[in-house]
Amino acid sequence: MTGEYYGRYIDDVFMTWNKSENALKQILENANTLHPNIKLEYKIGKSLPFLDVLLSNINGMLSTSVYHKPA
């Protein structure tokens, strides 16, 4: 087990990554060169909203809470 996680809903994707941030950015930038009409937007951080859930990395444990979009 790598401890990595991948989740997808329609065109939104969430994943964890256990290697360097630079390696992940390189993969994502390479993916953006594969087709001129498809561009990935990504956010990398310890706490991110995904759908209506706030996912947080707290000392290596994935934690969730309800996310309310600013209105």
Protein backbone atom coordinates (compact mmCIF):
# COMPACT_ATOMS: atom_id res chain seq x y z
CA MET A 1 0.00 0.00 0.00
CA THR A 2 1.30 3.43 -0.92
CA GLY A 3 -1.15 5.31 1.29
CA GLU A 4 -2.27 7.36 -1.69
CA TYR A 5 -5.92 8.14 -2.43
CA TYR A 6 -7.75 9.15 -5.61
CA GLY A 7 -11.34 10.39 -5.89
CA ARG A 8 -13.25 11.68 -8.89
CA TYR A 9 -16.68 13.21 -9.48
CA ILE A 10 -17.45 14.16 -13.11
CA ASP A 11 -14.58 16.59 -13.87
CA ASP A 12 -13.33 17.19 -10.30
CA VAL A 13 -10.46 15.06 -9.02
CA PHE A 14 -8.91 14.75 -5.55
CA MET A 15 -5.76 12.80 -4.84
CA THR A 16 -3.07 12.41 -2.22
CA TRP A 17 0.60 12.18 -3.18
CA ASN A 18 3.46 10.68 -1.19
CA LYS A 19 6.34 11.89 -3.33
CA SER A 20 7.77 15.40 -3.76
CA GLU A 21 5.59 18.36 -4.66
CA ASN A 22 7.93 19.18 -7.54
CA ALA A 23 7.46 15.68 -9.01
CA LEU A 24 3.69 16.11 -8.87
CA LYS A 25 3.83 19.54 -10.50
CA GLN A 26 6.00 18.12 -13.29
CA ILE A 27 3.46 15.35 -13.99
CA LEU A 28 0.58 17.83 -14.05
CA GLU A 29 2.43 20.26 -16.30
CA ASN A 30 3.31 17.41 -18.67
CA ALA A 31 -0.36 16.37 -18.74
CA ASN A 32 -1.27 19.92 -19.80
CA THR A 33 0.79 19.52 -22.97
CA LEU A 34 -0.99 16.37 -24.21
CA HIS A 35 -3.94 18.10 -25.91
CA PRO A 36 -4.35 21.80 -26.82
CA ASN A 37 -8.04 21.92 -25.79
CA ILE A 38 -7.67 20.21 -22.39
CA LYS A 39 -5.99 22.09 -19.55
CA LEU A 40 -5.83 20.94 -15.95
CA GLU A 41 -6.19 23.45 -13.14
CA TYR A 42 -4.79 22.25 -9.84
CA LYS A 43 -4.37 23.32 -6.24
CA ILE A 44 -1.81 21.78 -3.91
CA GLY A 45 -2.04 22.22 -0.15
CA LYS A 46 -2.57 20.74 3.30
CA SER A 47 -6.25 21.73 3.30
CA LEU A 48 -8.50 21.92 0.23
CA PRO A 49 -12.21 22.01 -0.55
CA PHE A 50 -13.51 19.17 -2.76
CA LEU A 51 -17.19 19.31 -3.67
CA ASP A 52 -18.86 20.21 -0.31
CA VAL A 53 -16.13 18.73 1.90
CA LEU A 54 -13.02 20.37 3.33
CA LEU A 55 -10.22 17.79 3.30
CA SER A 56 -7.26 18.44 5.60
CA ASN A 57 -3.97 16.69 6.24
CA ILE A 58 -3.44 16.83 9.99
CA ASN A 59 -0.14 15.17 10.89
CA GLY A 60 -0.55 12.60 8.11
CA MET A 61 -4.22 11.81 8.88
CA LEU A 62 -6.88 12.78 6.33
CA SER A 63 -9.64 14.71 8.10
CA THR A 64 -12.95 15.91 6.68
CA SER A 65 -15.46 18.60 7.58
CA VAL A 66 -18.39 20.25 5.84
CA TYR A 67 -17.28 23.02 3.45
CA HIS A 68 -19.46 26.06 2.93
CA LYS A 69 -18.66 28.12 -0.16
CA PRO A 70 -18.37 31.85 0.51
CA ALA A 71 -21.64 33.55 -0.41
